[in-house]
Amino acid sequence: WDVMGKFSLPLKSWDIYVKLGAAYVMTEFAGDLNQTNYVWTPAYGLGADYNVTNNFAIDFAYQGFLGKDKLKNDLSNIDDTVPYGNMLLLGISYKFTNT
């Protein structure tokens, strides 16, 4: 999961935004290693909301998190290894308002 601030610029029916924060990443190594690591890592995103109505919007976004240290052949850095992550997202939202 992640915790991110969202900074948006409204443009008529569109809201363009940037997200910055941190993601809590789980890395699971199977087989002989059988180890699971949990770590916080920097996260970022870029996207746009299209406001279909005042209450209903469609969200298009790219989001990623920074990894560190590729796994070495001798596995000496397994505790510090975090993968890089990239996602394309499509979502919908509905705002409950009285106006």
C-alpha atoms as a PDB file:
ATOM      1  CA  TRP A   1       0.000   0.000   0.000  1.00  0.00           C
ATOM      2  CA  ASP A   2       1.059   3.613  -0.256  1.00  0.00           C
ATOM      3  CA  VAL A   3       0.725   7.049   1.317  1.00  0.00           C
ATOM      4  CA  MET A   4       0.900   9.847  -1.233  1.00  0.00           C
ATOM      5  CA  GLY A   5       0.111  13.523  -1.587  1.00  0.00           C
ATOM      6  CA  LYS A   6      -1.888  14.448  -4.687  1.00  0.00           C
ATOM      7  CA  PHE A   7      -1.329  17.839  -6.343  1.00  0.00           C
ATOM      8  CA  SER A   8      -3.853  18.623  -9.092  1.00  0.00           C
ATOM      9  CA  LEU A   9      -4.487  21.279 -11.725  1.00  0.00           C
ATOM     10  CA  PRO A  10      -8.156  21.605 -12.808  1.00  0.00           C
ATOM     11  CA  LEU A  11      -8.689  22.237 -16.543  1.00  0.00           C
ATOM     12  CA  LYS A  12     -12.399  22.373 -17.503  1.00  0.00           C
ATOM     13  CA  SER A  13     -13.553  18.714 -17.413  1.00  0.00           C
ATOM     14  CA  TRP A  14     -10.048  17.402 -16.625  1.00  0.00           C
ATOM     15  CA  ASP A  15      -7.927  17.365 -13.471  1.00  0.00           C
ATOM     16  CA  ILE A  16      -4.242  16.704 -14.210  1.00  0.00           C
ATOM     17  CA  TYR A  17      -2.275  15.537 -11.158  1.00  0.00           C
ATOM     18  CA  VAL A  18       1.061  14.443  -9.748  1.00  0.00           C
ATOM     19  CA  LYS A  19       1.414  12.165  -6.715  1.00  0.00           C
ATOM     20  CA  LEU A  20       4.454  11.867  -4.442  1.00  0.00           C
ATOM     21  CA  GLY A  21       4.936   9.781  -1.321  1.00  0.00           C
ATOM     22  CA  ALA A  22       5.990   6.346  -0.136  1.00  0.00           C
ATOM     23  CA  ALA A  23       4.944   2.739  -0.790  1.00  0.00           C
ATOM     24  CA  TYR A  24       5.174  -0.181   1.635  1.00  0.00           C
ATOM     25  CA  VAL A  25       6.544  -3.021  -0.484  1.00  0.00           C
ATOM     26  CA  MET A  26       6.602  -6.738   0.298  1.00  0.00           C
ATOM     27  CA  THR A  27       9.237  -8.838  -1.478  1.00  0.00           C
ATOM     28  CA  GLU A  28       8.860 -12.603  -1.215  1.00  0.00           C
ATOM     29  CA  PHE A  29      11.679 -14.984  -2.130  1.00  0.00           C
ATOM     30  CA  ALA A  30      10.530 -18.561  -2.659  1.00  0.00           C
ATOM     31  CA  GLY A  31      12.379 -21.843  -2.909  1.00  0.00           C
ATOM     32  CA  ASP A  32      15.499 -22.411  -0.801  1.00  0.00           C
ATOM     33  CA  LEU A  33      15.502 -18.769   0.376  1.00  0.00           C
ATOM     34  CA  ASN A  34      11.929 -18.746   1.729  1.00  0.00           C
ATOM     35  CA  GLN A  35      12.242 -15.159   2.960  1.00  0.00           C
ATOM     36  CA  THR A  36       9.864 -12.172   2.969  1.00  0.00           C
ATOM     37  CA  ASN A  37      11.050  -8.557   3.272  1.00  0.00           C
ATOM     38  CA  TYR A  38       8.930  -5.469   4.005  1.00  0.00           C
ATOM     39  CA  VAL A  39      10.273  -1.975   3.303  1.00  0.00           C
ATOM     40  CA  TRP A  40       9.134   1.625   2.714  1.00  0.00           C
ATOM     41  CA  THR A  41      10.337   3.083  -0.610  1.00  0.00           C
ATOM     42  CA  PRO A  42       9.719   6.361  -2.504  1.00  0.00           C
ATOM     43  CA  ALA A  43       6.664   6.341  -4.786  1.00  0.00           C
ATOM     44  CA  TYR A  44       5.364   8.663  -7.506  1.00  0.00           C
ATOM     45  CA  GLY A  45       2.494   8.987  -9.929  1.00  0.00           C
ATOM     46  CA  LEU A  46       1.073  11.013 -12.806  1.00  0.00           C
ATOM     47  CA  GLY A  47      -2.493  10.993 -14.023  1.00  0.00           C
ATOM     48  CA  ALA A  48      -5.694  12.668 -15.097  1.00  0.00           C
ATOM     49  CA  ASP A  49      -9.297  12.577 -13.922  1.00  0.00           C
ATOM     50  CA  TYR A  50     -12.011  13.158 -16.526  1.00  0.00           C
ATOM     51  CA  ASN A  51     -15.112  14.571 -14.822  1.00  0.00           C
ATOM     52  CA  VAL A  52     -18.056  13.016 -16.648  1.00  0.00           C
ATOM     53  CA  THR A  53     -20.488  14.821 -14.299  1.00  0.00           C
ATOM     54  CA  ASN A  54     -20.073  16.870 -11.097  1.00  0.00           C
ATOM     55  CA  ASN A  55     -20.182  13.607  -9.139  1.00  0.00           C
ATOM     56  CA  PHE A  56     -18.748  10.948 -11.462  1.00  0.00           C
ATOM     57  CA  ALA A  57     -15.142  10.801 -12.792  1.00  0.00           C
ATOM     58  CA  ILE A  58     -12.884   8.402 -14.706  1.00  0.00           C
ATOM     59  CA  ASP A  59      -9.233   8.223 -13.604  1.00  0.00           C
ATOM     60  CA  PHE A  60      -6.248   7.350 -15.837  1.00  0.00           C
ATOM     61  CA  ALA A  61      -2.878   7.069 -14.098  1.00  0.00           C
ATOM     62  CA  TYR A  62       0.685   5.818 -14.093  1.00  0.00           C
ATOM     63  CA  GLN A  63       2.221   4.975 -10.719  1.00  0.00           C
ATOM     64  CA  GLY A  64       5.575   3.558  -9.696  1.00  0.00           C
ATOM     65  CA  PHE A  65       7.942   3.011  -6.807  1.00  0.00           C
ATOM     66  CA  LEU A  66      11.712   3.056  -6.656  1.00  0.00           C
ATOM     67  CA  GLY A  67      13.625  -0.100  -5.940  1.00  0.00           C
ATOM     68  CA  LYS A  68      17.218  -0.517  -4.902  1.00  0.00           C
ATOM     69  CA  ASP A  69      19.996  -3.049  -5.224  1.00  0.00           C
ATOM     70  CA  LYS A  70      19.714  -5.844  -7.739  1.00  0.00           C
ATOM     71  CA  LEU A  71      20.012  -9.255  -6.131  1.00  0.00           C
ATOM     72  CA  LYS A  72      23.641 -10.452  -6.222  1.00  0.00           C
ATOM     73  CA  ASN A  73      24.550 -13.963  -7.350  1.00  0.00           C
ATOM     74  CA  ASP A  74      25.741 -14.908  -3.864  1.00  0.00           C
ATOM     75  CA  LEU A  75      22.521 -13.471  -2.310  1.00  0.00           C
ATOM     76  CA  SER A  76      24.578 -11.453   0.195  1.00  0.00           C
ATOM     77  CA  ASN A  77      22.281  -8.429  -0.183  1.00  0.00           C
ATOM     78  CA  ILE A  78      18.913 -10.193   0.035  1.00  0.00           C
ATOM     79  CA  ASP A  79      17.773  -8.094   3.025  1.00  0.00           C
ATOM     80  CA  ASP A  80      18.335  -4.832   1.090  1.00  0.00           C
ATOM     81  CA  THR A  81      16.796  -5.835  -2.245  1.00  0.00           C
ATOM     82  CA  VAL A  82      13.604  -4.022  -3.313  1.00  0.00           C
ATOM     83  CA  PRO A  83      12.145  -4.427  -6.820  1.00  0.00           C
ATOM     84  CA  TYR A  84      11.164  -1.497  -9.030  1.00  0.00           C
ATOM     85  CA  GLY A  85       7.442  -1.275  -9.687  1.00  0.00           C
ATOM     86  CA  ASN A  86       5.389   0.344 -12.467  1.00  0.00           C
ATOM     87  CA  MET A  87       1.606   0.327 -12.927  1.00  0.00           C
ATOM     88  CA  LEU A  88      -0.958   1.672 -15.363  1.00  0.00           C
ATOM     89  CA  LEU A  89      -4.266   2.276 -13.621  1.00  0.00           C
ATOM     90  CA  LEU A  90      -7.848   2.898 -14.711  1.00  0.00           C
ATOM     91  CA  GLY A  91     -10.485   3.766 -12.126  1.00  0.00           C
ATOM     92  CA  ILE A  92     -13.803   5.431 -11.456  1.00  0.00           C
ATOM     93  CA  SER A  93     -14.937   7.632  -8.595  1.00  0.00           C
ATOM     94  CA  TYR A  94     -18.197   9.013  -7.301  1.00  0.00           C
ATOM     95  CA  LYS A  95     -18.464  12.054  -5.020  1.00  0.00           C
ATOM     96  CA  PHE A  96     -21.395  12.215  -2.590  1.00  0.00           C
ATOM     97  CA  THR A  97     -22.370  15.894  -2.397  1.00  0.00           C
ATOM     98  CA  ASN A  98     -25.512  17.942  -1.736  1.00  0.00           C
ATOM     99  CA  THR A  99     -24.975  20.377  -4.616  1.00  0.00           C
END
